[in-house]
Amino acid sequence: MPAAELLATVRRHGLEGIVARRRNSTYRPGDRSGDWVKMRANRGQEFVISGYVPSSNTLDSILVGYYEGSDLRYAARIRNGFVPATRQRVFAKFRGLYIDECPFVNLPERGRGRWGEGLTAEVMKLCRWLKPRLVASIEFLEWTLESRLRHPKFVSLRDDRDASQIIREAF
């Protein structure tokens, strides 16, 4: 079965992905080699960028969410998917969008959560807030029970979508 077809089947069944090895390689216990490949069955959708955590020069991570009625709900803090040039390009788009108050209705969170990524009131002191105007295409593995993205990754900015129309898509 071709890899694309196999991955489509994995997605249809709600599985995380595929682990495979090169056909001509052999299994060697304890040996980590490039003979093994992990392919995640990522999902994707657009989200509204409404904040970020700064770094020394640009941004460490972006804060994204989606609309539920007129409420903007926080979904994830995203660090992955950026290279230095992309960080610069995204950061440059923040000019003129700064606001003083957090635009997400479901922040702060009570605790740091299972993976220590929760945006508590203390962590939020590091954040900078933005008018909800920018839209980003994001890949992720799944939604958690807390309505957060698991393993999110920035893909690109979208200038062809209206931020006010971004909702949580059903999967």
N, C-alpha and C. Protein backbone atom coordinates (compact mmCIF):
# COMPACT_ATOMS: atom_id res chain seq x y z
N MET A 1 0.85 -1.17 0.00
CA MET A 1 0.00 0.00 0.00
C MET A 1 0.90 1.24 0.00
N PRO A 2 0.65 2.19 -0.87
CA PRO A 2 1.45 3.43 -0.89
C PRO A 2 1.31 4.20 0.43
N ALA A 3 2.37 4.90 0.83
CA ALA A 3 2.40 5.62 2.11
C ALA A 3 1.25 6.61 2.24
N ALA A 4 0.93 7.34 1.19
CA ALA A 4 -0.15 8.34 1.25
C ALA A 4 -1.49 7.67 1.55
N GLU A 5 -1.73 6.54 0.93
CA GLU A 5 -2.97 5.80 1.16
C GLU A 5 -3.03 5.26 2.59
N LEU A 6 -1.91 4.74 3.07
CA LEU A 6 -1.83 4.23 4.43
C LEU A 6 -2.08 5.35 5.44
N LEU A 7 -1.47 6.51 5.22
CA LEU A 7 -1.65 7.64 6.12
C LEU A 7 -3.10 8.11 6.12
N ALA A 8 -3.75 8.10 4.96
CA ALA A 8 -5.17 8.47 4.89
C ALA A 8 -6.02 7.51 5.71
N THR A 9 -5.69 6.23 5.67
CA THR A 9 -6.42 5.22 6.45
C THR A 9 -6.20 5.45 7.94
N VAL A 10 -4.98 5.77 8.32
CA VAL A 10 -4.66 6.06 9.72
C VAL A 10 -5.49 7.25 10.20
N ARG A 11 -5.57 8.31 9.40
CA ARG A 11 -6.37 9.49 9.77
C ARG A 11 -7.85 9.13 9.92
N ARG A 12 -8.37 8.36 8.98
CA ARG A 12 -9.78 7.97 9.01
C ARG A 12 -10.14 7.23 10.29
N HIS A 13 -9.19 6.45 10.79
CA HIS A 13 -9.44 5.65 12.00
C HIS A 13 -9.05 6.39 13.28
N GLY A 14 -8.62 7.65 13.17
CA GLY A 14 -8.30 8.45 14.34
C GLY A 14 -7.02 8.04 15.05
N LEU A 15 -6.10 7.41 14.33
CA LEU A 15 -4.83 6.99 14.93
C LEU A 15 -3.81 8.12 14.83
N GLU A 16 -2.75 8.06 15.67
CA GLU A 16 -1.75 9.13 15.72
C GLU A 16 -0.82 9.17 14.53
N GLY A 17 -0.46 8.04 14.00
CA GLY A 17 0.49 8.06 12.89
C GLY A 17 1.03 6.67 12.59
N ILE A 18 2.16 6.67 11.91
CA ILE A 18 2.80 5.44 11.45
C ILE A 18 4.26 5.47 11.85
N VAL A 19 4.77 4.32 12.29
CA VAL A 19 6.21 4.16 12.49
C VAL A 19 6.64 3.08 11.51
N ALA A 20 7.66 3.38 10.73
CA ALA A 20 8.10 2.43 9.71
C ALA A 20 9.62 2.41 9.65
N ARG A 21 10.16 1.35 9.05
CA ARG A 21 11.61 1.28 8.85
C ARG A 21 11.89 1.00 7.38
N ARG A 22 13.09 1.35 6.98
CA ARG A 22 13.50 1.09 5.59
C ARG A 22 13.43 -0.41 5.32
N ARG A 23 12.98 -0.74 4.15
CA ARG A 23 12.77 -2.13 3.78
C ARG A 23 14.04 -2.97 3.90
N ASN A 24 15.18 -2.41 3.54
CA ASN A 24 16.42 -3.19 3.54
C ASN A 24 17.20 -3.10 4.85
N SER A 25 16.63 -2.45 5.89
CA SER A 25 17.34 -2.36 7.18
C SER A 25 16.90 -3.48 8.10
N THR A 26 17.65 -3.66 9.15
CA THR A 26 17.31 -4.69 10.15
C THR A 26 17.11 -4.01 11.50
N TYR A 27 16.34 -4.66 12.34
CA TYR A 27 16.11 -4.13 13.68
C TYR A 27 17.31 -4.43 14.55
N ARG A 28 17.83 -3.38 15.22
CA ARG A 28 18.96 -3.53 16.13
C ARG A 28 18.53 -2.93 17.47
N PRO A 29 18.24 -3.77 18.47
CA PRO A 29 17.75 -3.27 19.76
C PRO A 29 18.68 -2.20 20.35
N GLY A 30 18.09 -1.10 20.80
CA GLY A 30 18.84 -0.03 21.44
C GLY A 30 19.57 0.90 20.50
N ASP A 31 19.56 0.62 19.20
CA ASP A 31 20.28 1.44 18.22
C ASP A 31 19.30 2.41 17.57
N ARG A 32 19.54 3.70 17.79
CA ARG A 32 18.70 4.73 17.17
C ARG A 32 19.34 5.12 15.85
N SER A 33 18.67 4.82 14.77
CA SER A 33 19.24 5.12 13.46
C SER A 33 18.20 5.83 12.60
N GLY A 34 18.64 6.32 11.46
CA GLY A 34 17.75 6.96 10.51
C GLY A 34 16.95 5.96 9.70
N ASP A 35 17.07 4.69 10.03
CA ASP A 35 16.32 3.66 9.31
C ASP A 35 14.84 3.65 9.70
N TRP A 36 14.52 4.29 10.81
CA TRP A 36 13.14 4.34 11.29
C TRP A 36 12.57 5.73 11.07
N VAL A 37 11.32 5.79 10.65
CA VAL A 37 10.66 7.05 10.37
C VAL A 37 9.31 7.07 11.09
N LYS A 38 8.99 8.21 11.71
CA LYS A 38 7.69 8.39 12.34
C LYS A 38 6.93 9.43 11.54
N MET A 39 5.74 9.09 11.09
CA MET A 39 4.89 10.02 10.34
C MET A 39 3.62 10.28 11.16
N ARG A 40 3.45 11.51 11.61
CA ARG A 40 2.24 11.86 12.35
C ARG A 40 1.10 12.14 11.38
N ALA A 41 -0.08 11.78 11.81
CA ALA A 41 -1.28 12.06 11.02
C ALA A 41 -1.88 13.38 11.52
N ASN A 42 -1.17 14.47 11.26
CA ASN A 42 -1.59 15.78 11.76
C ASN A 42 -2.88 16.26 11.13
N ARG A 43 -3.59 17.02 11.92
CA ARG A 43 -4.76 17.74 11.45
C ARG A 43 -4.34 19.18 11.26
N GLY A 44 -5.18 19.98 10.70
CA GLY A 44 -4.83 21.38 10.53
C GLY A 44 -6.06 22.25 10.40
N GLN A 45 -5.89 23.49 10.80
CA GLN A 45 -6.93 24.49 10.61
C GLN A 45 -6.32 25.85 10.87
N GLU A 46 -7.09 26.89 10.65
CA GLU A 46 -6.63 28.25 10.89
C GLU A 46 -7.02 28.66 12.31
N PHE A 47 -6.15 29.51 12.91
CA PHE A 47 -6.39 30.07 14.23
C PHE A 47 -6.04 31.55 14.21
N VAL A 48 -6.59 32.28 15.17
CA VAL A 48 -6.34 33.71 15.30
C VAL A 48 -5.15 33.92 16.25
N ILE A 49 -4.15 34.68 15.80
CA ILE A 49 -3.03 35.04 16.67
C ILE A 49 -3.45 36.27 17.46
N SER A 50 -3.45 36.17 18.80
CA SER A 50 -3.87 37.30 19.63
C SER A 50 -2.90 37.58 20.76
N GLY A 51 -1.72 37.00 20.66
CA GLY A 51 -0.70 37.28 21.66
C GLY A 51 0.57 36.52 21.33
N TYR A 52 1.60 36.85 22.09
CA TYR A 52 2.87 36.14 21.92
C TYR A 52 3.70 36.30 23.18
N VAL A 53 4.68 35.43 23.31
CA VAL A 53 5.68 35.54 24.37
C VAL A 53 6.95 36.02 23.67
N PRO A 54 7.48 37.17 24.09
CA PRO A 54 8.66 37.71 23.41
C PRO A 54 9.94 36.93 23.73
N SER A 55 10.89 37.02 22.81
CA SER A 55 12.25 36.54 23.05
C SER A 55 13.14 37.78 23.06
N SER A 56 14.42 37.60 23.07
CA SER A 56 15.31 38.76 23.12
C SER A 56 15.18 39.65 21.87
N ASN A 57 14.92 39.06 20.71
CA ASN A 57 14.84 39.84 19.47
C ASN A 57 13.46 39.86 18.83
N THR A 58 12.74 38.75 18.89
CA THR A 58 11.44 38.67 18.20
C THR A 58 10.41 38.02 19.11
N LEU A 59 10.07 36.78 18.82
CA LEU A 59 9.07 36.06 19.60
C LEU A 59 9.56 34.67 19.94
N ASP A 60 9.15 34.21 21.11
CA ASP A 60 9.44 32.84 21.53
C ASP A 60 8.33 31.92 21.06
N SER A 61 7.09 32.41 21.18
CA SER A 61 5.94 31.60 20.81
C SER A 61 4.75 32.52 20.54
N ILE A 62 3.77 31.99 19.81
CA ILE A 62 2.55 32.73 19.55
C ILE A 62 1.41 32.10 20.34
N LEU A 63 0.40 32.90 20.64
CA LEU A 63 -0.79 32.45 21.36
C LEU A 63 -1.97 32.54 20.41
N VAL A 64 -2.62 31.41 20.20
CA VAL A 64 -3.69 31.36 19.20
C VAL A 64 -5.01 30.90 19.80
N GLY A 65 -6.08 31.25 19.10
CA GLY A 65 -7.40 30.84 19.54
C GLY A 65 -8.39 30.83 18.39
N TYR A 66 -9.65 30.67 18.76
CA TYR A 66 -10.74 30.59 17.78
C TYR A 66 -11.97 31.24 18.41
N TYR A 67 -12.90 31.60 17.57
CA TYR A 67 -14.13 32.22 18.06
C TYR A 67 -15.20 31.18 18.35
N GLU A 68 -15.87 31.42 19.47
CA GLU A 68 -17.07 30.67 19.83
C GLU A 68 -18.13 31.74 20.08
N GLY A 69 -18.95 31.99 19.09
CA GLY A 69 -19.84 33.15 19.13
C GLY A 69 -18.98 34.40 19.03
N SER A 70 -19.13 35.32 19.96
CA SER A 70 -18.31 36.53 19.95
C SER A 70 -17.10 36.41 20.87
N ASP A 71 -16.95 35.26 21.54
CA ASP A 71 -15.83 35.05 22.47
C ASP A 71 -14.63 34.45 21.77
N LEU A 72 -13.46 35.02 22.02
CA LEU A 72 -12.21 34.46 21.51
C LEU A 72 -11.65 33.53 22.57
N ARG A 73 -11.52 32.25 22.23
CA ARG A 73 -11.07 31.23 23.17
C ARG A 73 -9.64 30.80 22.86
N TYR A 74 -8.82 30.77 23.89
CA TYR A 74 -7.42 30.36 23.77
C TYR A 74 -7.34 28.86 23.46
N ALA A 75 -6.45 28.49 22.52
CA ALA A 75 -6.29 27.08 22.14
C ALA A 75 -4.86 26.56 22.34
N ALA A 76 -3.84 27.42 22.15
CA ALA A 76 -2.47 26.91 22.26
C ALA A 76 -1.42 28.00 22.26
N ARG A 77 -0.29 27.65 22.87
CA ARG A 77 0.95 28.42 22.76
C ARG A 77 1.84 27.62 21.82
N ILE A 78 2.30 28.26 20.74
CA ILE A 78 2.99 27.51 19.69
C ILE A 78 4.41 28.01 19.51
N ARG A 79 5.36 27.09 19.68
CA ARG A 79 6.78 27.37 19.46
C ARG A 79 7.31 26.70 18.20
N ASN A 80 6.75 25.58 17.86
CA ASN A 80 7.27 24.77 16.75
C ASN A 80 6.85 25.31 15.39
N GLY A 81 7.69 25.03 14.39
CA GLY A 81 7.38 25.41 13.01
C GLY A 81 8.05 26.68 12.56
N PHE A 82 8.76 27.34 13.45
CA PHE A 82 9.41 28.59 13.11
C PHE A 82 10.90 28.39 12.82
N VAL A 83 11.39 29.10 11.82
CA VAL A 83 12.81 29.28 11.59
C VAL A 83 13.07 30.77 11.80
N PRO A 84 14.31 31.20 11.98
CA PRO A 84 14.55 32.63 12.27
C PRO A 84 13.88 33.60 11.29
N ALA A 85 13.93 33.32 10.00
CA ALA A 85 13.32 34.23 9.03
C ALA A 85 11.80 34.31 9.21
N THR A 86 11.18 33.18 9.51
CA THR A 86 9.73 33.16 9.73
C THR A 86 9.37 33.93 10.99
N ARG A 87 10.15 33.76 12.05
CA ARG A 87 9.92 34.52 13.29
C ARG A 87 9.95 36.02 13.00
N GLN A 88 10.94 36.46 12.24
CA GLN A 88 11.07 37.88 11.91
C GLN A 88 9.87 38.36 11.11
N ARG A 89 9.45 37.57 10.13
CA ARG A 89 8.33 37.94 9.26
C ARG A 89 7.02 38.03 10.05
N VAL A 90 6.78 37.06 10.92
CA VAL A 90 5.55 37.07 11.73
C VAL A 90 5.60 38.23 12.73
N PHE A 91 6.74 38.40 13.39
CA PHE A 91 6.89 39.46 14.38
C PHE A 91 6.65 40.84 13.76
N ALA A 92 7.11 41.04 12.53
CA ALA A 92 6.92 42.32 11.84
C ALA A 92 5.43 42.63 11.63
N LYS A 93 4.60 41.61 11.51
CA LYS A 93 3.15 41.80 11.31
C LYS A 93 2.45 42.29 12.57
N PHE A 94 3.12 42.24 13.73
CA PHE A 94 2.51 42.65 14.98
C PHE A 94 2.44 44.17 15.14
N ARG A 95 3.21 44.90 14.35
CA ARG A 95 3.22 46.37 14.47
C ARG A 95 1.82 46.94 14.31
N GLY A 96 1.45 47.81 15.23
CA GLY A 96 0.15 48.46 15.18
C GLY A 96 -0.99 47.64 15.76
N LEU A 97 -0.71 46.42 16.23
CA LEU A 97 -1.77 45.56 16.76
C LEU A 97 -1.75 45.41 18.28
N TYR A 98 -0.83 46.07 18.95
CA TYR A 98 -0.68 45.89 20.39
C TYR A 98 -1.86 46.44 21.17
N ILE A 99 -2.29 45.66 22.18
CA ILE A 99 -3.34 46.09 23.11
C ILE A 99 -2.87 45.74 24.53
N ASP A 100 -3.53 46.33 25.53
CA ASP A 100 -3.11 46.14 26.92
C ASP A 100 -3.74 44.92 27.59
N GLU A 101 -4.94 44.57 27.19
CA GLU A 101 -5.69 43.50 27.86
C GLU A 101 -5.67 42.21 27.06
N CYS A 102 -5.69 41.10 27.78
CA CYS A 102 -5.76 39.78 27.15
C CYS A 102 -7.11 39.64 26.44
N PRO A 103 -7.12 39.28 25.15
CA PRO A 103 -8.39 39.16 24.42
C PRO A 103 -9.08 37.80 24.58
N PHE A 104 -8.41 36.82 25.20
CA PHE A 104 -8.98 35.48 25.35
C PHE A 104 -9.88 35.42 26.58
N VAL A 105 -11.11 34.92 26.42
CA VAL A 105 -12.07 34.88 27.53
C VAL A 105 -11.77 33.75 28.53
N ASN A 106 -11.00 32.75 28.13
CA ASN A 106 -10.76 31.59 29.00
C ASN A 106 -9.36 31.60 29.62
N LEU A 107 -8.77 32.79 29.77
CA LEU A 107 -7.48 32.93 30.45
C LEU A 107 -7.66 33.90 31.62
N PRO A 108 -6.90 33.74 32.69
CA PRO A 108 -5.81 32.79 32.92
C PRO A 108 -6.33 31.40 33.28
N GLU A 109 -5.43 30.44 33.10
CA GLU A 109 -5.74 29.07 33.50
C GLU A 109 -5.35 28.89 34.96
N ARG A 110 -5.99 27.93 35.61
CA ARG A 110 -5.75 27.72 37.04
C ARG A 110 -4.38 27.13 37.35
N GLY A 111 -3.92 26.24 36.50
CA GLY A 111 -2.64 25.57 36.76
C GLY A 111 -1.82 25.43 35.50
N ARG A 112 -0.62 24.92 35.67
CA ARG A 112 0.29 24.75 34.54
C ARG A 112 -0.08 23.56 33.67
N GLY A 113 -0.95 22.69 34.14
CA GLY A 113 -1.39 21.55 33.34
C GLY A 113 -0.41 20.40 33.35
N ARG A 114 -0.80 19.36 32.69
CA ARG A 114 -0.02 18.11 32.66
C ARG A 114 1.38 18.31 32.08
N TRP A 115 1.51 19.14 31.07
CA TRP A 115 2.79 19.33 30.39
C TRP A 115 3.47 20.65 30.75
N GLY A 116 2.92 21.37 31.74
CA GLY A 116 3.54 22.61 32.19
C GLY A 116 3.39 23.77 31.24
N GLU A 117 2.41 23.70 30.34
CA GLU A 117 2.23 24.74 29.33
C GLU A 117 1.08 25.69 29.63
N GLY A 118 0.41 25.50 30.75
CA GLY A 118 -0.76 26.33 31.07
C GLY A 118 -0.41 27.80 31.21
N LEU A 119 -1.29 28.66 30.74
CA LEU A 119 -1.08 30.10 30.85
C LEU A 119 -1.75 30.61 32.12
N THR A 120 -1.04 30.48 33.23
CA THR A 120 -1.52 30.98 34.50
C THR A 120 -1.35 32.49 34.54
N ALA A 121 -1.93 33.13 35.56
CA ALA A 121 -1.79 34.59 35.69
C ALA A 121 -0.32 34.98 35.78
N GLU A 122 0.49 34.17 36.43
CA GLU A 122 1.92 34.47 36.55
C GLU A 122 2.62 34.39 35.20
N VAL A 123 2.34 33.36 34.42
CA VAL A 123 2.95 33.22 33.10
C VAL A 123 2.46 34.31 32.16
N MET A 124 1.20 34.72 32.32
CA MET A 124 0.63 35.75 31.44
C MET A 124 1.34 37.10 31.57
N LYS A 125 2.05 37.31 32.67
CA LYS A 125 2.81 38.55 32.84
C LYS A 125 3.91 38.70 31.77
N LEU A 126 4.33 37.58 31.19
CA LEU A 126 5.35 37.59 30.14
C LEU A 126 4.76 37.88 28.76
N CYS A 127 3.45 37.74 28.63
CA CYS A 127 2.79 37.81 27.32
C CYS A 127 2.57 39.25 26.85
N ARG A 128 2.53 39.40 25.54
CA ARG A 128 2.13 40.65 24.89
C ARG A 128 0.87 40.33 24.11
N TRP A 129 -0.11 41.24 24.18
CA TRP A 129 -1.42 40.97 23.57
C TRP A 129 -1.60 41.74 22.28
N LEU A 130 -2.35 41.14 21.37
CA LEU A 130 -2.57 41.71 20.03
C LEU A 130 -4.05 41.75 19.70
N LYS A 131 -4.45 42.73 18.92
CA LYS A 131 -5.81 42.75 18.38
C LYS A 131 -5.97 41.48 17.55
N PRO A 132 -7.10 40.82 17.66
CA PRO A 132 -7.31 39.57 16.91
C PRO A 132 -7.56 39.82 15.42
N ARG A 133 -6.49 40.04 14.69
CA ARG A 133 -6.59 40.33 13.25
C ARG A 133 -5.83 39.33 12.38
N LEU A 134 -4.74 38.77 12.91
CA LEU A 134 -3.89 37.87 12.12
C LEU A 134 -4.38 36.44 12.21
N VAL A 135 -4.32 35.74 11.07
CA VAL A 135 -4.73 34.35 11.01
C VAL A 135 -3.53 33.50 10.62
N ALA A 136 -3.37 32.39 11.33
CA ALA A 136 -2.27 31.46 11.05
C ALA A 136 -2.82 30.08 10.75
N SER A 137 -2.18 29.41 9.82
CA SER A 137 -2.47 28.01 9.54
C SER A 137 -1.61 27.19 10.50
N ILE A 138 -2.25 26.28 11.23
CA ILE A 138 -1.59 25.49 12.27
C ILE A 138 -1.87 24.01 12.05
N GLU A 139 -0.83 23.19 12.20
CA GLU A 139 -0.99 21.74 12.22
C GLU A 139 -0.92 21.28 13.66
N PHE A 140 -1.66 20.23 14.00
CA PHE A 140 -1.64 19.69 15.35
C PHE A 140 -2.06 18.23 15.30
N LEU A 141 -1.74 17.51 16.37
CA LEU A 141 -2.07 16.10 16.42
C LEU A 141 -3.53 15.87 16.78
N GLU A 142 -4.00 16.56 17.84
CA GLU A 142 -5.39 16.39 18.27
C GLU A 142 -5.77 17.47 19.25
N TRP A 143 -7.07 17.53 19.56
CA TRP A 143 -7.58 18.39 20.62
C TRP A 143 -7.54 17.60 21.92
N THR A 144 -7.14 18.25 23.03
CA THR A 144 -7.16 17.59 24.33
C THR A 144 -8.56 17.73 24.94
N LEU A 145 -8.79 17.06 26.05
CA LEU A 145 -10.06 17.16 26.75
C LEU A 145 -10.29 18.57 27.28
N GLU A 146 -9.21 19.33 27.48
CA GLU A 146 -9.29 20.71 27.97
C GLU A 146 -9.46 21.71 26.82
N SER A 147 -9.71 21.23 25.62
CA SER A 147 -9.86 22.07 24.41
C SER A 147 -8.58 22.83 24.08
N ARG A 148 -7.45 22.16 24.20
CA ARG A 148 -6.15 22.69 23.82
C ARG A 148 -5.59 21.83 22.69
N LEU A 149 -4.69 22.42 21.92
CA LEU A 149 -4.07 21.67 20.83
C LEU A 149 -2.90 20.86 21.36
N ARG A 150 -2.79 19.63 20.92
CA ARG A 150 -1.66 18.77 21.28
C ARG A 150 -0.68 18.77 20.12
N HIS A 151 0.58 19.02 20.41
CA HIS A 151 1.68 19.08 19.44
C HIS A 151 1.38 20.04 18.28
N PRO A 152 1.08 21.32 18.60
CA PRO A 152 0.80 22.27 17.52
C PRO A 152 2.08 22.74 16.83
N LYS A 153 1.95 23.11 15.56
CA LYS A 153 3.09 23.59 14.77
C LYS A 153 2.61 24.68 13.82
N PHE A 154 3.33 25.82 13.83
CA PHE A 154 3.03 26.91 12.92
C PHE A 154 3.36 26.48 11.49
N VAL A 155 2.45 26.79 10.55
CA VAL A 155 2.69 26.47 9.14
C VAL A 155 2.90 27.76 8.35
N SER A 156 1.94 28.70 8.46
CA SER A 156 2.06 29.95 7.69
C SER A 156 1.04 30.96 8.18
N LEU A 157 1.24 32.20 7.78
CA LEU A 157 0.22 33.23 7.97
C LEU A 157 -0.76 33.15 6.82
N ARG A 158 -2.01 33.50 7.08
CA ARG A 158 -3.05 33.51 6.05
C ARG A 158 -3.61 34.91 5.94
N ASP A 159 -3.44 35.55 4.81
CA ASP A 159 -4.01 36.89 4.64
C ASP A 159 -5.32 36.86 3.86
N ASP A 160 -5.78 35.66 3.55
CA ASP A 160 -7.03 35.54 2.79
C ASP A 160 -8.22 35.14 3.66
N ARG A 161 -8.02 35.13 4.98
CA ARG A 161 -9.10 34.76 5.91
C ARG A 161 -9.39 35.90 6.87
N ASP A 162 -10.65 36.10 7.17
CA ASP A 162 -11.09 37.10 8.14
C ASP A 162 -11.03 36.46 9.52
N ALA A 163 -10.28 37.07 10.43
CA ALA A 163 -10.08 36.50 11.77
C ALA A 163 -11.40 36.27 12.50
N SER A 164 -12.37 37.12 12.29
CA SER A 164 -13.65 36.99 13.01
C SER A 164 -14.43 35.75 12.57
N GLN A 165 -14.03 35.12 11.49
CA GLN A 165 -14.72 33.93 10.98
C GLN A 165 -14.07 32.61 11.40
N ILE A 166 -13.00 32.70 12.19
CA ILE A 166 -12.26 31.49 12.57
C ILE A 166 -12.92 30.84 13.77
N ILE A 167 -13.43 29.62 13.56
CA ILE A 167 -14.09 28.86 14.62
C ILE A 167 -13.37 27.52 14.78
N ARG A 168 -13.69 26.81 15.85
CA ARG A 168 -13.13 25.47 16.04
C ARG A 168 -13.82 24.54 15.05
N GLU A 169 -13.01 23.89 14.24
CA GLU A 169 -13.57 22.96 13.27
C GLU A 169 -13.77 21.60 13.93
N ALA A 170 -14.81 20.92 13.55
CA ALA A 170 -15.12 19.59 14.11
C ALA A 170 -14.25 18.54 13.46
N PHE A 171 -13.75 17.64 14.27
CA PHE A 171 -12.96 16.50 13.76
C PHE A 171 -13.54 15.22 14.29
